[in-house]
Amino acid sequence: MNIYQHFRPEEKEFIDQVLSWRDFVDTTYTPKLTDFLDPREQHIMKVLIGEHSDVKCEFFGGGVYTERQRAILMRDYEKANQEDFHISLFEIDYPTKFISIEHRQVLGTLMSVGLRRGKFGDILFAEKRIQFFVCEDVNSYLCAQIQAIGKAAVSLTKVELDEAIPSNVLYEEDTITVSSLRLDTALSGIHHLSRQKSQVLIGQGLVKVNWQMIENPSFECQTGDLISTRGYGRVKILSIDGKTKKEKWRITIGIQK
């Protein structure tokens, strides 16, 4: 069976990586810790590892309800502890009375220091407080590299994981039916829009899937996708549940509250 036919062509490299990790754990009996994975990557890993009876994977992103999470692949009789994920939490100290910092500025600064996106987990906000999760192995490098975000002078303070700002990303589950899995069709069903309106939003670059701008209306949605539409919020595709008697797709979604 061609395993790639169940996934997108651009996901082949990640699929090969997961299969390589799985074989490594299976043959060496050594656990494998990944960088932070987005929801779609987590889904792919669950599917691929779930087919192998001797290897399993566990996920943790540093706190409750985190979207980006690290995975540990291990033999089926092993169990991972929180410390095994080697995640650090940093709080950003800056002059809160005089300046505001936005999510995009934090992410942009983190990406500008030359590290892969996978080295960073969720970015958390609560009023003037800002925190982010990061792979432990880049702690020293980050502290040395980041002294400013935008026009604000900043410093990083490492805090305990149990001091994390509670995530406000909660999803309300719902079920919709759509005629196809195309992005424009799914968007219409999710937000009760006309197909034409959905295509305009996509064409204007206002729609992202798994944090990547998608400008192709025929892009096919799949389980685990996180769809963000400017002005309409975020929706996660929790599962694709097959077709109805009228040949429409039944999809379970999570709508961010």
Protein backbone atom coordinates (compact mmCIF):
# COMPACT_ATOMS: atom_id res chain seq x y z
CA MET A 1 0.00 0.00 0.00
CA ASN A 2 1.27 3.47 -0.90
CA ILE A 3 1.10 5.34 2.40
CA TYR A 4 1.71 8.71 0.72
CA GLN A 5 -1.65 8.62 -1.08
CA HIS A 6 -3.39 9.41 2.21
CA PHE A 7 -1.48 12.66 2.68
CA ARG A 8 -0.53 15.79 0.75
CA PRO A 9 2.43 15.67 -1.64
CA GLU A 10 4.24 18.40 0.29
CA GLU A 11 4.02 16.28 3.46
CA LYS A 12 6.19 13.49 2.04
CA GLU A 13 9.39 14.77 3.64
CA PHE A 14 7.79 14.89 7.10
CA ILE A 15 6.25 11.44 6.61
CA ASP A 16 9.66 10.01 5.71
CA GLN A 17 11.12 11.66 8.81
CA VAL A 18 8.46 10.13 11.08
CA LEU A 19 8.98 6.68 9.56
CA SER A 20 12.73 7.06 10.09
CA TRP A 21 12.20 8.00 13.74
CA ARG A 22 9.84 5.06 14.19
CA ASP A 23 12.34 2.59 12.75
CA PHE A 24 15.12 4.07 14.90
CA VAL A 25 13.10 3.58 18.09
CA ASP A 26 12.01 0.10 17.01
CA THR A 27 15.53 -1.15 16.27
CA THR A 28 17.58 0.66 18.94
CA TYR A 29 15.04 0.70 21.80
CA THR A 30 16.01 4.37 22.28
CA PRO A 31 13.31 7.06 22.69
CA LYS A 32 13.21 9.91 20.14
CA LEU A 33 12.22 13.47 21.11
CA THR A 34 10.99 15.77 18.33
CA ASP A 35 10.86 19.55 18.10
CA PHE A 36 7.47 21.29 18.45
CA LEU A 37 4.91 20.02 15.94
CA ASP A 38 1.81 21.82 14.66
CA PRO A 39 -1.62 20.10 14.93
CA ARG A 40 -1.43 18.66 11.41
CA GLU A 41 2.01 17.18 12.03
CA GLN A 42 0.77 15.70 15.30
CA HIS A 43 -2.09 14.04 13.43
CA ILE A 44 0.25 12.57 10.81
CA MET A 45 2.48 11.17 13.53
CA LYS A 46 -0.47 9.60 15.37
CA VAL A 47 -1.62 7.91 12.16
CA LEU A 48 1.82 6.56 11.23
CA ILE A 49 2.83 5.46 14.72
CA GLY A 50 -0.61 4.02 15.42
CA GLU A 51 -0.03 1.43 12.71
CA HIS A 52 3.03 0.07 14.53
CA SER A 53 2.21 -2.08 17.55
CA ASP A 54 5.65 -1.88 19.21
CA VAL A 55 6.17 1.90 19.13
CA LYS A 56 3.96 4.64 20.56
CA CYS A 57 4.14 8.43 20.88
CA GLU A 58 3.19 10.87 23.62
CA PHE A 59 2.76 14.64 23.27
CA PHE A 60 3.33 17.64 25.55
CA GLY A 61 3.60 21.34 24.76
CA GLY A 62 4.57 22.73 28.15
CA GLY A 63 1.07 23.42 29.47
CA VAL A 64 -2.61 22.57 29.20
CA TYR A 65 -4.33 23.04 25.80
CA THR A 66 -1.14 23.96 23.96
CA GLU A 67 -1.44 23.72 20.18
CA ARG A 68 2.20 23.17 19.30
CA GLN A 69 3.62 20.14 21.11
CA ARG A 70 6.77 18.04 21.23
CA ALA A 71 6.45 14.29 20.76
CA ILE A 72 8.38 11.42 22.27
CA LEU A 73 8.45 8.17 20.36
CA MET A 74 9.19 5.16 22.54
CA ARG A 75 8.60 1.45 22.92
CA ASP A 76 5.01 0.60 23.82
CA TYR A 77 5.85 -0.42 27.40
CA GLU A 78 7.59 2.88 28.27
CA LYS A 79 6.09 6.03 29.74
CA ALA A 80 7.28 9.63 29.42
CA ASN A 81 7.45 12.15 32.26
CA GLN A 82 6.99 15.90 31.82
CA GLU A 83 10.74 16.43 32.31
CA ASP A 84 11.52 14.10 29.39
CA PHE A 85 10.15 16.67 26.93
CA HIS A 86 12.86 19.22 27.84
CA ILE A 87 10.64 22.28 27.45
CA SER A 88 11.47 25.67 28.96
CA LEU A 89 9.15 28.61 29.57
CA PHE A 90 10.37 32.19 29.26
CA GLU A 91 8.62 35.38 30.30
CA ILE A 92 9.41 38.58 28.39
CA ASP A 93 10.24 41.56 30.60
CA TYR A 94 9.67 44.94 28.93
CA PRO A 95 8.45 48.48 29.85
CA THR A 96 4.74 47.70 29.88
CA LYS A 97 3.69 51.26 30.77
CA PHE A 98 5.08 52.72 27.57
CA ILE A 99 4.91 50.05 24.90
CA SER A 100 2.70 47.24 23.59
CA ILE A 101 4.01 44.08 21.96
CA GLU A 102 1.94 41.93 19.61
CA HIS A 103 2.05 38.19 18.89
CA ARG A 104 3.45 38.71 15.38
CA GLN A 105 6.32 40.81 16.77
CA VAL A 106 7.29 38.11 19.26
CA LEU A 107 7.19 35.37 16.64
CA GLY A 108 9.07 37.53 14.15
CA THR A 109 11.83 38.19 16.67
CA LEU A 110 12.12 34.52 17.61
CA MET A 111 12.37 33.54 13.95
CA SER A 112 14.94 36.26 13.23
CA VAL A 113 17.63 34.67 15.41
CA GLY A 114 18.18 31.84 12.92
CA LEU A 115 16.33 28.97 14.62
CA ARG A 116 13.69 26.73 13.05
CA ARG A 117 10.02 27.33 13.90
CA GLY A 118 10.02 23.91 15.52
CA LYS A 119 12.22 25.18 18.34
CA PHE A 120 9.36 27.35 19.66
CA GLY A 121 6.01 26.33 21.09
CA ASP A 122 2.96 28.43 21.90
CA ILE A 123 3.22 32.15 22.64
CA LEU A 124 1.00 33.15 25.57
CA PHE A 125 -0.52 36.55 26.37
CA ALA A 126 -2.40 37.84 29.42
CA GLU A 127 -2.89 41.60 29.60
CA LYS A 128 0.71 42.90 29.58
CA ARG A 129 2.38 39.57 30.31
CA ILE A 130 3.98 37.56 27.50
CA GLN A 131 5.49 34.07 27.68
CA PHE A 132 6.63 31.44 25.21
CA PHE A 133 7.67 27.80 25.29
CA VAL A 134 10.95 26.72 23.75
CA CYS A 135 13.13 23.63 23.34
CA GLU A 136 15.48 23.55 26.31
CA ASP A 137 18.61 23.12 24.21
CA VAL A 138 18.43 26.69 22.83
CA ASN A 139 17.92 28.50 26.17
CA SER A 140 21.36 30.09 26.39
CA TYR A 141 21.43 31.04 22.73
CA LEU A 142 18.07 32.80 22.94
CA CYS A 143 18.99 34.78 26.05
CA ALA A 144 22.15 35.98 24.33
CA GLN A 145 20.41 36.89 21.07
CA ILE A 146 17.23 38.65 22.14
CA GLN A 147 17.51 42.12 23.67
CA ALA A 148 14.73 43.87 21.77
CA ILE A 149 11.33 43.18 20.23
CA GLY A 150 10.31 45.91 17.82
CA LYS A 151 11.27 49.18 19.53
CA ALA A 152 11.07 47.71 23.03
CA ALA A 153 14.14 46.74 25.00
CA VAL A 154 13.45 43.34 26.55
CA SER A 155 15.01 40.66 28.69
CA LEU A 156 14.04 37.01 29.11
CA THR A 157 13.35 35.38 32.46
CA LYS A 158 13.06 31.61 32.72
CA VAL A 159 10.08 30.55 34.84
CA GLU A 160 8.66 27.20 35.87
CA LEU A 161 6.16 25.46 33.58
CA ASP A 162 3.48 25.58 36.27
CA GLU A 163 3.70 29.39 36.14
CA ALA A 164 2.49 29.41 32.52
CA ILE A 165 -0.27 31.83 31.61
CA PRO A 166 -3.45 29.74 31.23
CA SER A 167 -4.20 29.20 27.56
CA ASN A 168 -7.36 30.94 26.38
CA VAL A 169 -7.56 28.77 23.26
CA LEU A 170 -10.74 26.78 23.83
CA TYR A 171 -12.69 25.10 21.04
CA GLU A 172 -16.41 24.45 20.82
CA GLU A 173 -17.11 21.26 18.89
CA ASP A 174 -19.59 21.25 16.01
CA THR A 175 -20.41 19.11 12.96
CA ILE A 176 -20.92 20.43 9.45
CA THR A 177 -21.61 18.86 6.05
CA VAL A 178 -19.96 20.16 2.89
CA SER A 179 -20.01 19.08 -0.74
CA SER A 180 -16.21 18.74 -0.95
CA LEU A 181 -13.05 19.12 1.11
CA ARG A 182 -11.84 22.11 -0.92
CA LEU A 183 -10.75 25.03 1.23
CA ASP A 184 -13.29 27.45 -0.25
CA THR A 185 -16.13 24.95 0.27
CA ALA A 186 -15.05 24.10 3.81
CA LEU A 187 -14.70 27.79 4.66
CA SER A 188 -18.23 28.44 3.37
CA GLY A 189 -19.63 25.66 5.54
CA ILE A 190 -17.69 26.66 8.63
CA HIS A 191 -18.53 30.37 8.58
CA HIS A 192 -21.84 30.23 6.63
CA LEU A 193 -20.44 32.23 3.73
CA SER A 194 -21.09 32.12 0.02
CA ARG A 195 -18.53 30.22 -2.04
CA GLN A 196 -17.69 33.48 -3.82
CA LYS A 197 -17.01 35.26 -0.51
CA SER A 198 -14.75 32.42 0.62
CA GLN A 199 -12.80 32.61 -2.62
CA VAL A 200 -12.34 36.36 -2.19
CA LEU A 201 -10.96 35.88 1.34
CA ILE A 202 -8.54 33.23 0.09
CA GLY A 203 -7.50 35.35 -2.90
CA GLN A 204 -6.81 38.33 -0.65
CA GLY A 205 -4.38 36.28 1.44
CA LEU A 206 -6.60 36.36 4.52
CA VAL A 207 -6.71 32.59 5.07
CA LYS A 208 -3.98 30.47 6.65
CA VAL A 209 -3.87 26.70 7.10
CA ASN A 210 -1.42 25.51 9.76
CA TRP A 211 0.07 29.02 9.91
CA GLN A 212 0.78 29.06 6.15
CA MET A 213 -1.04 31.44 3.81
CA ILE A 214 -3.06 29.45 1.24
CA GLU A 215 -4.18 31.23 -1.91
CA ASN A 216 -5.46 28.16 -3.76
CA PRO A 217 -9.25 27.72 -3.29
CA SER A 218 -9.00 24.05 -4.30
CA PHE A 219 -6.51 23.25 -1.51
CA GLU A 220 -7.84 20.07 0.13
CA CYS A 221 -8.51 20.23 3.87
CA GLN A 222 -7.60 17.27 6.05
CA THR A 223 -7.84 16.12 9.66
CA GLY A 224 -5.69 18.15 12.04
CA ASP A 225 -5.71 21.31 9.92
CA LEU A 226 -5.93 24.60 11.78
CA ILE A 227 -7.70 27.17 9.58
CA SER A 228 -7.31 30.84 10.47
CA THR A 229 -9.36 33.45 8.61
CA ARG A 230 -8.78 37.12 9.39
CA GLY A 231 -11.94 38.60 10.81
CA TYR A 232 -13.55 35.19 11.41
CA GLY A 233 -11.26 33.47 13.91
CA ARG A 234 -9.73 30.01 13.96
CA VAL A 235 -11.20 26.57 13.41
CA LYS A 236 -9.58 23.17 13.85
CA ILE A 237 -10.65 20.17 11.77
CA LEU A 238 -10.96 17.46 14.42
CA SER A 239 -12.03 14.64 12.13
CA ILE A 240 -13.43 13.86 8.70
CA ASP A 241 -16.21 11.39 9.33
CA GLY A 242 -17.05 10.09 5.86
CA LYS A 243 -19.94 10.83 3.54
CA THR A 244 -23.66 11.13 4.12
CA LYS A 245 -26.31 9.41 2.00
CA LYS A 246 -26.40 12.56 -0.12
CA GLU A 247 -22.66 12.23 -0.82
CA LYS A 248 -21.68 15.17 1.33
CA TRP A 249 -18.68 15.12 3.65
CA ARG A 250 -19.41 15.14 7.37
CA ILE A 251 -16.70 17.04 9.28
CA THR A 252 -16.25 17.53 13.02
CA ILE A 253 -14.71 20.93 13.75
CA GLY A 254 -13.56 22.84 16.80
CA ILE A 255 -14.44 26.55 16.72
CA GLN A 256 -12.25 28.80 18.83
CA LYS A 257 -14.37 30.52 21.44
